[in-house]
Amino acid sequence: AVAITIPYWLGRFSGKHIADEIFEKYP
C-alpha cells in the first residue's frame, strides 16, 4: 500500500500535465 501510494500522491500534486506526458511516452 505504501509502495503504490507514494507515486500516486506525486502524480496528484504534479497535476494533469503529468498524465499528458504519460500518454506521450506510453501510448
PDB file of all heavy atoms in Angstrom:
ATOM      1  N   ALA A   1       0.836  -1.212   0.000  1.00  0.00           N
ATOM      2  CA  ALA A   1       0.000   0.000   0.000  1.00  0.00           C
ATOM      3  C   ALA A   1       0.868   1.258   0.000  1.00  0.00           C
ATOM      4  O   ALA A   1       0.588   2.214  -0.727  1.00  0.00           O
ATOM      5  CB  ALA A   1      -0.936  -0.010   1.204  1.00  0.00           C
ATOM      6  N   VAL A   2       1.925   1.241   0.779  1.00  0.00           N
ATOM      7  CA  VAL A   2       2.837   2.396   0.803  1.00  0.00           C
ATOM      8  C   VAL A   2       3.538   2.542  -0.546  1.00  0.00           C
ATOM      9  O   VAL A   2       3.665   3.650  -1.072  1.00  0.00           O
ATOM     10  CB  VAL A   2       3.870   2.253   1.945  1.00  0.00           C
ATOM     11  CG1 VAL A   2       4.969   3.286   1.829  1.00  0.00           C
ATOM     12  CG2 VAL A   2       3.179   2.358   3.300  1.00  0.00           C
ATOM     13  N   ALA A   3       3.949   1.417  -1.127  1.00  0.00           N
ATOM     14  CA  ALA A   3       4.684   1.455  -2.398  1.00  0.00           C
ATOM     15  C   ALA A   3       3.839   1.999  -3.542  1.00  0.00           C
ATOM     16  O   ALA A   3       4.382   2.643  -4.447  1.00  0.00           O
ATOM     17  CB  ALA A   3       5.195   0.063  -2.756  1.00  0.00           C
ATOM     18  N   ILE A   4       2.533   1.768  -3.528  1.00  0.00           N
ATOM     19  CA  ILE A   4       1.705   2.307  -4.608  1.00  0.00           C
ATOM     20  C   ILE A   4       1.126   3.677  -4.258  1.00  0.00           C
ATOM     21  O   ILE A   4       0.626   4.381  -5.133  1.00  0.00           O
ATOM     22  CB  ILE A   4       0.587   1.329  -5.044  1.00  0.00           C
ATOM     23  CG1 ILE A   4      -0.459   1.128  -3.970  1.00  0.00           C
ATOM     24  CG2 ILE A   4       1.179   0.020  -5.506  1.00  0.00           C
ATOM     25  CD1 ILE A   4      -1.669   0.318  -4.425  1.00  0.00           C
ATOM     26  N   THR A   5       1.204   4.053  -2.988  1.00  0.00           N
ATOM     27  CA  THR A   5       0.677   5.348  -2.547  1.00  0.00           C
ATOM     28  C   THR A   5       1.620   6.497  -2.881  1.00  0.00           C
ATOM     29  O   THR A   5       1.172   7.565  -3.318  1.00  0.00           O
ATOM     30  CB  THR A   5       0.389   5.322  -1.040  1.00  0.00           C
ATOM     31  OG1 THR A   5      -0.690   4.406  -0.805  1.00  0.00           O
ATOM     32  CG2 THR A   5       0.010   6.684  -0.514  1.00  0.00           C
ATOM     33  N   ILE A   6       2.902   6.299  -2.701  1.00  0.00           N
ATOM     34  CA  ILE A   6       3.865   7.395  -2.905  1.00  0.00           C
ATOM     35  C   ILE A   6       3.804   7.947  -4.329  1.00  0.00           C
ATOM     36  O   ILE A   6       3.632   9.154  -4.520  1.00  0.00           O
ATOM     37  CB  ILE A   6       5.288   6.962  -2.495  1.00  0.00           C
ATOM     38  CG1 ILE A   6       5.323   6.735  -0.982  1.00  0.00           C
ATOM     39  CG2 ILE A   6       6.325   7.996  -2.926  1.00  0.00           C
ATOM     40  CD1 ILE A   6       6.590   6.082  -0.472  1.00  0.00           C
ATOM     41  N   PRO A   7       3.892   7.112  -5.376  1.00  0.00           N
ATOM     42  CA  PRO A   7       3.791   7.686  -6.727  1.00  0.00           C
ATOM     43  C   PRO A   7       2.398   8.247  -7.032  1.00  0.00           C
ATOM     44  O   PRO A   7       2.266   9.189  -7.818  1.00  0.00           O
ATOM     45  CB  PRO A   7       4.147   6.538  -7.668  1.00  0.00           C
ATOM     46  CG  PRO A   7       4.249   5.327  -6.850  1.00  0.00           C
ATOM     47  CD  PRO A   7       4.283   5.703  -5.421  1.00  0.00           C
ATOM     48  N   TYR A   8       1.354   7.689  -6.399  1.00  0.00           N
ATOM     49  CA  TYR A   8       0.010   8.242  -6.583  1.00  0.00           C
ATOM     50  C   TYR A   8      -0.020   9.701  -6.137  1.00  0.00           C
ATOM     51  O   TYR A   8      -0.496  10.567  -6.866  1.00  0.00           O
ATOM     52  CB  TYR A   8      -1.019   7.426  -5.787  1.00  0.00           C
ATOM     53  CG  TYR A   8      -2.378   8.080  -5.715  1.00  0.00           C
ATOM     54  CD1 TYR A   8      -3.307   7.861  -6.714  1.00  0.00           C
ATOM     55  CD2 TYR A   8      -2.723   8.921  -4.663  1.00  0.00           C
ATOM     56  CE1 TYR A   8      -4.560   8.474  -6.671  1.00  0.00           C
ATOM     57  CE2 TYR A   8      -3.963   9.528  -4.603  1.00  0.00           C
ATOM     58  CZ  TYR A   8      -4.873   9.299  -5.598  1.00  0.00           C
ATOM     59  OH  TYR A   8      -6.103   9.908  -5.547  1.00  0.00           O
ATOM     60  N   TRP A   9       0.497   9.974  -4.952  1.00  0.00           N
ATOM     61  CA  TRP A   9       0.469  11.351  -4.443  1.00  0.00           C
ATOM     62  C   TRP A   9       1.409  12.267  -5.215  1.00  0.00           C
ATOM     63  O   TRP A   9       1.124  13.455  -5.374  1.00  0.00           O
ATOM     64  CB  TRP A   9       0.748  11.393  -2.945  1.00  0.00           C
ATOM     65  CG  TRP A   9      -0.452  10.896  -2.180  1.00  0.00           C
ATOM     66  CD1 TRP A   9      -0.566   9.709  -1.513  1.00  0.00           C
ATOM     67  CD2 TRP A   9      -1.716  11.542  -2.051  1.00  0.00           C
ATOM     68  NE1 TRP A   9      -1.821   9.587  -0.977  1.00  0.00           N
ATOM     69  CE2 TRP A   9      -2.549  10.697  -1.291  1.00  0.00           C
ATOM     70  CE3 TRP A   9      -2.236  12.744  -2.513  1.00  0.00           C
ATOM     71  CZ2 TRP A   9      -3.865  11.026  -0.983  1.00  0.00           C
ATOM     72  CZ3 TRP A   9      -3.553  13.071  -2.200  1.00  0.00           C
ATOM     73  CH2 TRP A   9      -4.352  12.221  -1.437  1.00  0.00           C
ATOM     74  N   LEU A  10       2.510  11.725  -5.706  1.00  0.00           N
ATOM     75  CA  LEU A  10       3.379  12.533  -6.570  1.00  0.00           C
ATOM     76  C   LEU A  10       2.624  12.959  -7.822  1.00  0.00           C
ATOM     77  O   LEU A  10       2.705  14.117  -8.251  1.00  0.00           O
ATOM     78  CB  LEU A  10       4.642  11.756  -6.943  1.00  0.00           C
ATOM     79  CG  LEU A  10       5.662  11.535  -5.832  1.00  0.00           C
ATOM     80  CD1 LEU A  10       6.760  10.602  -6.312  1.00  0.00           C
ATOM     81  CD2 LEU A  10       6.229  12.852  -5.361  1.00  0.00           C
ATOM     82  N   GLY A  11       1.890  12.043  -8.420  1.00  0.00           N
ATOM     83  CA  GLY A  11       1.093  12.371  -9.592  1.00  0.00           C
ATOM     84  C   GLY A  11      -0.029  13.334  -9.259  1.00  0.00           C
ATOM     85  O   GLY A  11      -0.329  14.246 -10.023  1.00  0.00           O
ATOM     86  N   ARG A  12      -0.623  13.154  -8.100  1.00  0.00           N
ATOM     87  CA  ARG A  12      -1.737  14.024  -7.688  1.00  0.00           C
ATOM     88  C   ARG A  12      -1.279  15.472  -7.545  1.00  0.00           C
ATOM     89  O   ARG A  12      -1.963  16.395  -7.958  1.00  0.00           O
ATOM     90  CB  ARG A  12      -2.300  13.499  -6.363  1.00  0.00           C
ATOM     91  CG  ARG A  12      -3.470  14.233  -5.839  1.00  0.00           C
ATOM     92  CD  ARG A  12      -4.706  13.466  -6.134  1.00  0.00           C
ATOM     93  NE  ARG A  12      -5.856  14.159  -5.590  1.00  0.00           N
ATOM     94  CZ  ARG A  12      -7.010  13.611  -5.458  1.00  0.00           C
ATOM     95  NH1 ARG A  12      -7.184  12.365  -5.816  1.00  0.00           N
ATOM     96  NH2 ARG A  12      -8.017  14.279  -4.998  1.00  0.00           N
ATOM     97  N   PHE A  13      -0.095  15.657  -6.954  1.00  0.00           N
ATOM     98  CA  PHE A  13       0.415  17.007  -6.748  1.00  0.00           C
ATOM     99  C   PHE A  13       1.070  17.576  -8.009  1.00  0.00           C
ATOM    100  O   PHE A  13       1.188  18.784  -8.140  1.00  0.00           O
ATOM    101  CB  PHE A  13       1.385  17.059  -5.567  1.00  0.00           C
ATOM    102  CG  PHE A  13       0.703  16.866  -4.246  1.00  0.00           C
ATOM    103  CD1 PHE A  13       1.073  15.831  -3.419  1.00  0.00           C
ATOM    104  CD2 PHE A  13      -0.318  17.696  -3.839  1.00  0.00           C
ATOM    105  CE1 PHE A  13       0.450  15.634  -2.193  1.00  0.00           C
ATOM    106  CE2 PHE A  13      -0.965  17.521  -2.625  1.00  0.00           C
ATOM    107  CZ  PHE A  13      -0.579  16.481  -1.799  1.00  0.00           C
ATOM    108  N   SER A  14       1.485  16.700  -8.915  1.00  0.00           N
ATOM    109  CA  SER A  14       2.109  17.180 -10.154  1.00  0.00           C
ATOM    110  C   SER A  14       1.087  17.761 -11.110  1.00  0.00           C
ATOM    111  O   SER A  14       1.405  18.625 -11.919  1.00  0.00           O
ATOM    112  CB  SER A  14       2.858  16.041 -10.848  1.00  0.00           C
ATOM    113  OG  SER A  14       3.919  15.607 -10.046  1.00  0.00           O
ATOM    114  N   GLY A  15      -0.120  17.260 -11.061  1.00  0.00           N
ATOM    115  CA  GLY A  15      -1.185  17.821 -11.888  1.00  0.00           C
ATOM    116  C   GLY A  15      -1.416  17.058 -13.173  1.00  0.00           C
ATOM    117  O   GLY A  15      -0.791  16.042 -13.461  1.00  0.00           O
ATOM    118  N   LYS A  16      -2.333  17.583 -13.943  1.00  0.00           N
ATOM    119  CA  LYS A  16      -2.798  16.937 -15.176  1.00  0.00           C
ATOM    120  C   LYS A  16      -1.716  16.841 -16.242  1.00  0.00           C
ATOM    121  O   LYS A  16      -1.728  15.924 -17.059  1.00  0.00           O
ATOM    122  CB  LYS A  16      -4.010  17.727 -15.705  1.00  0.00           C
ATOM    123  CG  LYS A  16      -4.670  17.116 -16.888  1.00  0.00           C
ATOM    124  CD  LYS A  16      -5.404  15.856 -16.527  1.00  0.00           C
ATOM    125  CE  LYS A  16      -6.189  15.365 -17.733  1.00  0.00           C
ATOM    126  NZ  LYS A  16      -6.388  13.951 -17.738  1.00  0.00           N
ATOM    127  N   HIS A  17      -0.740  17.744 -16.224  1.00  0.00           N
ATOM    128  CA  HIS A  17       0.288  17.701 -17.272  1.00  0.00           C
ATOM    129  C   HIS A  17       1.103  16.410 -17.207  1.00  0.00           C
ATOM    130  O   HIS A  17       1.611  15.949 -18.215  1.00  0.00           O
ATOM    131  CB  HIS A  17       1.200  18.928 -17.195  1.00  0.00           C
ATOM    132  CG  HIS A  17       2.183  18.898 -16.078  1.00  0.00           C
ATOM    133  ND1 HIS A  17       1.860  19.254 -14.783  1.00  0.00           N
ATOM    134  CD2 HIS A  17       3.481  18.516 -16.062  1.00  0.00           C
ATOM    135  CE1 HIS A  17       2.926  19.109 -14.021  1.00  0.00           C
ATOM    136  NE2 HIS A  17       3.919  18.663 -14.763  1.00  0.00           N
ATOM    137  N   ILE A  18       1.222  15.810 -16.026  1.00  0.00           N
ATOM    138  CA  ILE A  18       1.970  14.551 -15.918  1.00  0.00           C
ATOM    139  C   ILE A  18       1.215  13.439 -16.658  1.00  0.00           C
ATOM    140  O   ILE A  18       1.834  12.572 -17.282  1.00  0.00           O
ATOM    141  CB  ILE A  18       2.265  14.175 -14.451  1.00  0.00           C
ATOM    142  CG1 ILE A  18       3.366  13.107 -14.372  1.00  0.00           C
ATOM    143  CG2 ILE A  18       1.061  13.651 -13.738  1.00  0.00           C
ATOM    144  CD1 ILE A  18       4.729  13.620 -14.522  1.00  0.00           C
ATOM    145  N   ALA A  19      -0.114  13.468 -16.623  1.00  0.00           N
ATOM    146  CA  ALA A  19      -0.902  12.479 -17.373  1.00  0.00           C
ATOM    147  C   ALA A  19      -0.676  12.643 -18.873  1.00  0.00           C
ATOM    148  O   ALA A  19      -0.547  11.647 -19.600  1.00  0.00           O
ATOM    149  CB  ALA A  19      -2.382  12.615 -17.034  1.00  0.00           C
ATOM    150  N   ASP A  20      -0.601  13.877 -19.333  1.00  0.00           N
ATOM    151  CA  ASP A  20      -0.338  14.118 -20.753  1.00  0.00           C
ATOM    152  C   ASP A  20       1.039  13.578 -21.156  1.00  0.00           C
ATOM    153  O   ASP A  20       1.192  13.002 -22.231  1.00  0.00           O
ATOM    154  CB  ASP A  20      -0.430  15.606 -21.067  1.00  0.00           C
ATOM    155  CG  ASP A  20      -1.832  16.155 -20.856  1.00  0.00           C
ATOM    156  OD1 ASP A  20      -2.796  15.360 -20.956  1.00  0.00           O
ATOM    157  OD2 ASP A  20      -1.961  17.364 -20.587  1.00  0.00           O
ATOM    158  N   GLU A  21       2.022  13.755 -20.293  1.00  0.00           N
ATOM    159  CA  GLU A  21       3.364  13.223 -20.571  1.00  0.00           C
ATOM    160  C   GLU A  21       3.358  11.702 -20.602  1.00  0.00           C
ATOM    161  O   GLU A  21       4.052  11.080 -21.411  1.00  0.00           O
ATOM    162  CB  GLU A  21       4.353  13.731 -19.527  1.00  0.00           C
ATOM    163  CG  GLU A  21       4.650  15.212 -19.640  1.00  0.00           C
ATOM    164  CD  GLU A  21       5.589  15.705 -18.548  1.00  0.00           C
ATOM    165  OE1 GLU A  21       6.288  14.872 -17.926  1.00  0.00           O
ATOM    166  OE2 GLU A  21       5.617  16.926 -18.319  1.00  0.00           O
ATOM    167  N   ILE A  22       2.572  11.091 -19.715  1.00  0.00           N
ATOM    168  CA  ILE A  22       2.464   9.628 -19.698  1.00  0.00           C
ATOM    169  C   ILE A  22       1.847   9.142 -21.007  1.00  0.00           C
ATOM    170  O   ILE A  22       2.312   8.159 -21.596  1.00  0.00           O
ATOM    171  CB  ILE A  22       1.656   9.159 -18.472  1.00  0.00           C
ATOM    172  CG1 ILE A  22       2.474   9.400 -17.193  1.00  0.00           C
ATOM    173  CG2 ILE A  22       1.270   7.691 -18.598  1.00  0.00           C
ATOM    174  CD1 ILE A  22       1.702   9.194 -15.910  1.00  0.00           C
ATOM    175  N   PHE A  23       0.812   9.835 -21.491  1.00  0.00           N
ATOM    176  CA  PHE A  23       0.182   9.448 -22.756  1.00  0.00           C
ATOM    177  C   PHE A  23       1.159   9.549 -23.918  1.00  0.00           C
ATOM    178  O   PHE A  23       1.132   8.735 -24.828  1.00  0.00           O
ATOM    179  CB  PHE A  23      -1.043  10.307 -23.050  1.00  0.00           C
ATOM    180  CG  PHE A  23      -2.245   9.950 -22.229  1.00  0.00           C
ATOM    181  CD1 PHE A  23      -3.059  10.946 -21.723  1.00  0.00           C
ATOM    182  CD2 PHE A  23      -2.580   8.631 -21.974  1.00  0.00           C
ATOM    183  CE1 PHE A  23      -4.176  10.629 -20.969  1.00  0.00           C
ATOM    184  CE2 PHE A  23      -3.691   8.301 -21.224  1.00  0.00           C
ATOM    185  CZ  PHE A  23      -4.490   9.301 -20.724  1.00  0.00           C
ATOM    186  N   GLU A  24       2.026  10.555 -23.894  1.00  0.00           N
ATOM    187  CA  GLU A  24       3.014  10.713 -24.962  1.00  0.00           C
ATOM    188  C   GLU A  24       4.038   9.586 -24.937  1.00  0.00           C
ATOM    189  O   GLU A  24       4.380   9.018 -25.973  1.00  0.00           O
ATOM    190  CB  GLU A  24       3.730  12.049 -24.825  1.00  0.00           C
ATOM    191  CG  GLU A  24       2.941  13.231 -25.321  1.00  0.00           C
ATOM    192  CD  GLU A  24       3.743  14.524 -25.203  1.00  0.00           C
ATOM    193  OE1 GLU A  24       4.986  14.476 -25.293  1.00  0.00           O
ATOM    194  OE2 GLU A  24       3.114  15.581 -25.014  1.00  0.00           O
ATOM    195  N   LYS A  25       4.540   9.284 -23.753  1.00  0.00           N
ATOM    196  CA  LYS A  25       5.601   8.286 -23.633  1.00  0.00           C
ATOM    197  C   LYS A  25       5.077   6.851 -23.718  1.00  0.00           C
ATOM    198  O   LYS A  25       5.754   5.964 -24.221  1.00  0.00           O
ATOM    199  CB  LYS A  25       6.355   8.487 -22.311  1.00  0.00           C
ATOM    200  CG  LYS A  25       7.585   7.624 -22.207  1.00  0.00           C
ATOM    201  CD  LYS A  25       8.462   8.022 -21.058  1.00  0.00           C
ATOM    202  CE  LYS A  25       9.713   7.170 -21.042  1.00  0.00           C
ATOM    203  NZ  LYS A  25      10.607   7.509 -19.980  1.00  0.00           N
ATOM    204  N   TYR A  26       3.864   6.622 -23.196  1.00  0.00           N
ATOM    205  CA  TYR A  26       3.280   5.277 -23.172  1.00  0.00           C
ATOM    206  C   TYR A  26       1.913   5.315 -23.875  1.00  0.00           C
ATOM    207  O   TYR A  26       0.894   5.548 -23.232  1.00  0.00           O
ATOM    208  CB  TYR A  26       3.102   4.786 -21.731  1.00  0.00           C
ATOM    209  CG  TYR A  26       4.387   4.674 -20.964  1.00  0.00           C
ATOM    210  CD1 TYR A  26       4.831   5.716 -20.150  1.00  0.00           C
ATOM    211  CD2 TYR A  26       5.160   3.527 -21.041  1.00  0.00           C
ATOM    212  CE1 TYR A  26       6.008   5.613 -19.435  1.00  0.00           C
ATOM    213  CE2 TYR A  26       6.335   3.413 -20.329  1.00  0.00           C
ATOM    214  CZ  TYR A  26       6.757   4.460 -19.528  1.00  0.00           C
ATOM    215  OH  TYR A  26       7.919   4.347 -18.828  1.00  0.00           O
ATOM    216  N   PRO A  27       1.883   5.077 -25.175  1.00  0.00           N
ATOM    217  CA  PRO A  27       0.608   5.130 -25.911  1.00  0.00           C
ATOM    218  C   PRO A  27      -0.448   4.162 -25.360  1.00  0.00           C
ATOM    219  O   PRO A  27      -1.638   4.425 -25.467  1.00  0.00           O
ATOM    220  CB  PRO A  27       0.997   4.751 -27.340  1.00  0.00           C
ATOM    221  CG  PRO A  27       2.459   5.027 -27.436  1.00  0.00           C
ATOM    222  CD  PRO A  27       3.007   4.822 -26.050  1.00  0.00           C
TER     223      PRO A  27
END
